[in-house]
Amino acid sequence: MRNLLTFFLILSSLFSFGFAGYLVWQRFAPLPPAVASDPSDPITLAIPELGISLPVLTQPLTPKGVTYEPHGNNLVFYGHNWPNILRPFQKAQVGQKIIIGYADGSSKQFEISTLTVVPGSKVEILEPTTSNTQLILYTCTGFLDRERLVATATQI
């Protein structure tokens, strides 16, 4: 009986160690290029001043880039606060440029106009605006990622 318990403990330790290694690999693994089905879909998001260059994907909260969802005339992008995704975004400043690349080879530049930290439950930030097209980029921040760091940017 004791040998069986020892075997189970060793096996569960190996599984836990392997799973932890997988999670670390997910956070630091290189990101794949984005593939768009429509030439007007965004495929890259870059903030050159922060060293951010990420693929844009349509899967919800992907560990491989940022997710894009249109909300009315707003372009909404979000992603994990992981070192290989949006951790550098924590150092964003008003006036920095966000460049969105499209599948047809074109790009649009936006300038960050506001940076705010809001509770995770505040979804009003995503509501469509009546003004010009606005880019909204957000990620988790704060203690245990309970808050959201939200940047709004206007096209330049």
C-alpha atoms as a PDB file:
ATOM      1  CA  MET A   1       0.000   0.000   0.000  1.00  0.00           C
ATOM      2  CA  ARG A   2       2.840   2.372   0.887  1.00  0.00           C
ATOM      3  CA  ASN A   3       4.548   1.714  -2.458  1.00  0.00           C
ATOM      4  CA  LEU A   4       1.326   2.514  -4.287  1.00  0.00           C
ATOM      5  CA  LEU A   5       0.967   5.814  -2.428  1.00  0.00           C
ATOM      6  CA  THR A   6       4.599   6.706  -3.177  1.00  0.00           C
ATOM      7  CA  PHE A   7       4.078   5.879  -6.855  1.00  0.00           C
ATOM      8  CA  PHE A   8       0.945   8.051  -6.967  1.00  0.00           C
ATOM      9  CA  LEU A   9       2.757  10.985  -5.329  1.00  0.00           C
ATOM     10  CA  ILE A  10       5.669  10.731  -7.746  1.00  0.00           C
ATOM     11  CA  LEU A  11       3.319  10.472 -10.723  1.00  0.00           C
ATOM     12  CA  SER A  12       1.228  13.466  -9.630  1.00  0.00           C
ATOM     13  CA  SER A  13       4.407  15.494  -8.981  1.00  0.00           C
ATOM     14  CA  LEU A  14       5.685  14.727 -12.486  1.00  0.00           C
ATOM     15  CA  PHE A  15       2.337  15.685 -13.987  1.00  0.00           C
ATOM     16  CA  SER A  16       2.244  18.950 -12.002  1.00  0.00           C
ATOM     17  CA  PHE A  17       5.806  19.803 -13.008  1.00  0.00           C
ATOM     18  CA  GLY A  18       5.053  19.073 -16.669  1.00  0.00           C
ATOM     19  CA  PHE A  19       1.871  21.138 -16.631  1.00  0.00           C
ATOM     20  CA  ALA A  20       3.663  24.066 -14.968  1.00  0.00           C
ATOM     21  CA  GLY A  21       6.346  23.849 -17.661  1.00  0.00           C
ATOM     22  CA  TYR A  22       3.661  23.946 -20.342  1.00  0.00           C
ATOM     23  CA  LEU A  23       2.108  27.081 -18.800  1.00  0.00           C
ATOM     24  CA  VAL A  24       5.498  28.822 -18.684  1.00  0.00           C
ATOM     25  CA  TRP A  25       6.132  27.846 -22.310  1.00  0.00           C
ATOM     26  CA  GLN A  26       2.703  29.290 -23.304  1.00  0.00           C
ATOM     27  CA  ARG A  27       3.602  32.655 -21.767  1.00  0.00           C
ATOM     28  CA  PHE A  28       6.985  32.971 -23.459  1.00  0.00           C
ATOM     29  CA  ALA A  29       6.560  31.023 -26.724  1.00  0.00           C
ATOM     30  CA  PRO A  30       6.985  32.873 -30.025  1.00  0.00           C
ATOM     31  CA  LEU A  31       3.734  34.021 -31.594  1.00  0.00           C
ATOM     32  CA  PRO A  32       2.509  32.703 -34.970  1.00  0.00           C
ATOM     33  CA  PRO A  33       1.696  34.995 -37.889  1.00  0.00           C
ATOM     34  CA  ALA A  34      -1.967  35.936 -38.192  1.00  0.00           C
ATOM     35  CA  VAL A  35      -4.011  34.721 -41.132  1.00  0.00           C
ATOM     36  CA  ALA A  36      -7.080  36.730 -42.138  1.00  0.00           C
ATOM     37  CA  SER A  37     -10.011  35.369 -44.086  1.00  0.00           C
ATOM     38  CA  ASP A  38     -11.007  38.860 -45.306  1.00  0.00           C
ATOM     39  CA  PRO A  39      -8.485  41.374 -46.740  1.00  0.00           C
ATOM     40  CA  SER A  40     -10.078  44.117 -44.634  1.00  0.00           C
ATOM     41  CA  ASP A  41      -9.434  42.231 -41.373  1.00  0.00           C
ATOM     42  CA  PRO A  42      -6.606  43.435 -39.131  1.00  0.00           C
ATOM     43  CA  ILE A  43      -3.731  40.963 -38.839  1.00  0.00           C
ATOM     44  CA  THR A  44      -1.143  42.844 -36.759  1.00  0.00           C
ATOM     45  CA  LEU A  45      -1.120  45.303 -33.870  1.00  0.00           C
ATOM     46  CA  ALA A  46       2.091  47.166 -33.114  1.00  0.00           C
ATOM     47  CA  ILE A  47       3.161  49.776 -30.594  1.00  0.00           C
ATOM     48  CA  PRO A  48       6.747  50.390 -31.759  1.00  0.00           C
ATOM     49  CA  GLU A  49       7.747  52.558 -28.766  1.00  0.00           C
ATOM     50  CA  LEU A  50       6.973  49.632 -26.435  1.00  0.00           C
ATOM     51  CA  GLY A  51       8.410  46.873 -28.633  1.00  0.00           C
ATOM     52  CA  ILE A  52       4.967  45.333 -29.156  1.00  0.00           C
ATOM     53  CA  SER A  53       4.247  43.582 -32.452  1.00  0.00           C
ATOM     54  CA  LEU A  54       1.486  40.980 -32.221  1.00  0.00           C
ATOM     55  CA  PRO A  55      -0.705  38.905 -34.497  1.00  0.00           C
ATOM     56  CA  VAL A  56      -4.408  39.730 -34.366  1.00  0.00           C
ATOM     57  CA  LEU A  57      -6.657  36.692 -34.067  1.00  0.00           C
ATOM     58  CA  THR A  58     -10.400  36.171 -33.770  1.00  0.00           C
ATOM     59  CA  GLN A  59     -10.342  33.472 -31.086  1.00  0.00           C
ATOM     60  CA  PRO A  60     -11.541  34.770 -27.720  1.00  0.00           C
ATOM     61  CA  LEU A  61      -8.631  35.568 -25.401  1.00  0.00           C
ATOM     62  CA  THR A  62      -5.999  33.612 -27.266  1.00  0.00           C
ATOM     63  CA  PRO A  63      -2.592  32.892 -25.717  1.00  0.00           C
ATOM     64  CA  LYS A  64      -1.016  33.538 -29.130  1.00  0.00           C
ATOM     65  CA  GLY A  65      -1.734  37.240 -29.741  1.00  0.00           C
ATOM     66  CA  VAL A  66      -4.471  39.810 -29.306  1.00  0.00           C
ATOM     67  CA  THR A  67      -8.139  39.277 -30.068  1.00  0.00           C
ATOM     68  CA  TYR A  68     -10.081  41.626 -32.328  1.00  0.00           C
ATOM     69  CA  GLU A  69     -13.790  42.326 -32.119  1.00  0.00           C
ATOM     70  CA  PRO A  70     -15.558  45.185 -33.891  1.00  0.00           C
ATOM     71  CA  HIS A  71     -18.072  47.044 -31.686  1.00  0.00           C
ATOM     72  CA  GLY A  72     -20.044  49.478 -33.846  1.00  0.00           C
ATOM     73  CA  ASN A  73     -17.493  51.962 -35.140  1.00  0.00           C
ATOM     74  CA  ASN A  74     -14.975  50.954 -32.450  1.00  0.00           C
ATOM     75  CA  LEU A  75     -12.075  48.591 -33.127  1.00  0.00           C
ATOM     76  CA  VAL A  76     -11.618  46.616 -29.911  1.00  0.00           C
ATOM     77  CA  PHE A  77      -8.439  44.645 -29.212  1.00  0.00           C
ATOM     78  CA  TYR A  78      -7.595  42.773 -26.016  1.00  0.00           C
ATOM     79  CA  GLY A  79      -5.093  40.246 -24.802  1.00  0.00           C
ATOM     80  CA  HIS A  80      -3.365  38.627 -21.863  1.00  0.00           C
ATOM     81  CA  ASN A  81      -1.046  40.577 -19.565  1.00  0.00           C
ATOM     82  CA  TRP A  82       1.746  38.105 -20.333  1.00  0.00           C
ATOM     83  CA  PRO A  83       5.379  38.992 -21.119  1.00  0.00           C
ATOM     84  CA  ASN A  84       5.072  37.835 -24.738  1.00  0.00           C
ATOM     85  CA  ILE A  85       1.738  39.590 -25.309  1.00  0.00           C
ATOM     86  CA  LEU A  86       0.659  42.834 -23.596  1.00  0.00           C
ATOM     87  CA  ARG A  87       2.861  43.137 -20.484  1.00  0.00           C
ATOM     88  CA  PRO A  88       4.869  46.006 -22.083  1.00  0.00           C
ATOM     89  CA  PHE A  89       1.549  47.834 -22.615  1.00  0.00           C
ATOM     90  CA  GLN A  90       1.628  48.609 -18.863  1.00  0.00           C
ATOM     91  CA  LYS A  91       4.172  51.349 -19.751  1.00  0.00           C
ATOM     92  CA  ALA A  92       2.006  52.966 -22.453  1.00  0.00           C
ATOM     93  CA  GLN A  93       1.665  56.751 -22.514  1.00  0.00           C
ATOM     94  CA  VAL A  94      -0.752  59.193 -24.082  1.00  0.00           C
ATOM     95  CA  GLY A  95       0.535  60.228 -27.507  1.00  0.00           C
ATOM     96  CA  GLN A  96       2.139  56.892 -28.423  1.00  0.00           C
ATOM     97  CA  LYS A  97       1.226  55.365 -31.781  1.00  0.00           C
ATOM     98  CA  ILE A  98      -0.637  52.113 -32.372  1.00  0.00           C
ATOM     99  CA  ILE A  99      -0.321  50.682 -35.878  1.00  0.00           C
ATOM    100  CA  ILE A 100      -2.885  48.221 -37.199  1.00  0.00           C
ATOM    101  CA  GLY A 101      -1.802  46.165 -40.213  1.00  0.00           C
ATOM    102  CA  TYR A 102      -4.345  44.644 -42.598  1.00  0.00           C
ATOM    103  CA  ALA A 103      -4.301  41.533 -44.757  1.00  0.00           C
ATOM    104  CA  ASP A 104      -4.343  43.637 -47.947  1.00  0.00           C
ATOM    105  CA  GLY A 105      -0.991  45.206 -46.968  1.00  0.00           C
ATOM    106  CA  SER A 106      -2.374  48.537 -45.784  1.00  0.00           C
ATOM    107  CA  SER A 107      -2.092  49.951 -42.277  1.00  0.00           C
ATOM    108  CA  LYS A 108      -3.768  52.560 -40.097  1.00  0.00           C
ATOM    109  CA  GLN A 109      -2.145  54.613 -37.366  1.00  0.00           C
ATOM    110  CA  PHE A 110      -3.843  55.595 -34.153  1.00  0.00           C
ATOM    111  CA  GLU A 111      -2.632  57.822 -31.326  1.00  0.00           C
ATOM    112  CA  ILE A 112      -3.385  56.966 -27.705  1.00  0.00           C
ATOM    113  CA  SER A 113      -5.626  59.710 -26.341  1.00  0.00           C
ATOM    114  CA  THR A 114      -6.585  58.270 -22.938  1.00  0.00           C
ATOM    115  CA  LEU A 115      -5.272  55.632 -20.552  1.00  0.00           C
ATOM    116  CA  THR A 116      -7.462  54.535 -17.671  1.00  0.00           C
ATOM    117  CA  VAL A 117      -7.644  51.704 -15.160  1.00  0.00           C
ATOM    118  CA  VAL A 118     -11.166  50.420 -14.551  1.00  0.00           C
ATOM    119  CA  PRO A 119     -12.712  47.537 -12.616  1.00  0.00           C
ATOM    120  CA  GLY A 120     -13.029  44.317 -14.607  1.00  0.00           C
ATOM    121  CA  SER A 121     -16.812  44.587 -14.423  1.00  0.00           C
ATOM    122  CA  LYS A 122     -16.962  47.961 -16.207  1.00  0.00           C
ATOM    123  CA  VAL A 123     -18.051  46.941 -19.702  1.00  0.00           C
ATOM    124  CA  GLU A 124     -19.328  50.387 -20.729  1.00  0.00           C
ATOM    125  CA  ILE A 125     -15.863  51.072 -22.125  1.00  0.00           C
ATOM    126  CA  LEU A 126     -16.752  48.874 -25.106  1.00  0.00           C
ATOM    127  CA  GLU A 127     -19.989  50.611 -26.076  1.00  0.00           C
ATOM    128  CA  PRO A 128     -20.012  52.076 -29.595  1.00  0.00           C
ATOM    129  CA  THR A 129     -19.317  55.784 -29.831  1.00  0.00           C
ATOM    130  CA  THR A 130     -21.139  58.246 -32.041  1.00  0.00           C
ATOM    131  CA  SER A 131     -17.936  59.988 -33.067  1.00  0.00           C
ATOM    132  CA  ASN A 132     -15.214  58.857 -35.451  1.00  0.00           C
ATOM    133  CA  THR A 133     -13.681  55.407 -35.432  1.00  0.00           C
ATOM    134  CA  GLN A 134     -11.967  54.741 -32.145  1.00  0.00           C
ATOM    135  CA  LEU A 135      -9.500  52.019 -31.225  1.00  0.00           C
ATOM    136  CA  ILE A 136      -9.825  50.474 -27.762  1.00  0.00           C
ATOM    137  CA  LEU A 137      -7.004  48.282 -26.459  1.00  0.00           C
ATOM    138  CA  TYR A 138      -7.161  46.670 -23.046  1.00  0.00           C
ATOM    139  CA  THR A 139      -5.517  44.085 -20.848  1.00  0.00           C
ATOM    140  CA  CYS A 140      -5.602  42.971 -17.234  1.00  0.00           C
ATOM    141  CA  THR A 141      -3.713  44.851 -14.549  1.00  0.00           C
ATOM    142  CA  GLY A 142      -3.641  45.332 -10.800  1.00  0.00           C
ATOM    143  CA  PHE A 143      -3.651  42.841  -7.949  1.00  0.00           C
ATOM    144  CA  LEU A 144      -4.560  39.382  -9.299  1.00  0.00           C
ATOM    145  CA  ASP A 145      -5.465  41.021 -12.654  1.00  0.00           C
ATOM    146  CA  ARG A 146      -8.799  42.275 -11.257  1.00  0.00           C
ATOM    147  CA  GLU A 147      -8.679  45.569 -13.150  1.00  0.00           C
ATOM    148  CA  ARG A 148      -8.348  46.538 -16.808  1.00  0.00           C
ATOM    149  CA  LEU A 149      -5.851  48.958 -18.319  1.00  0.00           C
ATOM    150  CA  VAL A 150      -7.766  50.601 -21.166  1.00  0.00           C
ATOM    151  CA  ALA A 151      -6.343  52.795 -23.926  1.00  0.00           C
ATOM    152  CA  THR A 152      -8.510  54.684 -26.348  1.00  0.00           C
ATOM    153  CA  ALA A 153      -6.892  55.914 -29.518  1.00  0.00           C
ATOM    154  CA  THR A 154      -8.019  58.054 -32.435  1.00  0.00           C
ATOM    155  CA  GLN A 155      -6.980  57.570 -36.037  1.00  0.00           C
ATOM    156  CA  ILE A 156      -4.339  59.974 -37.340  1.00  0.00           C
END
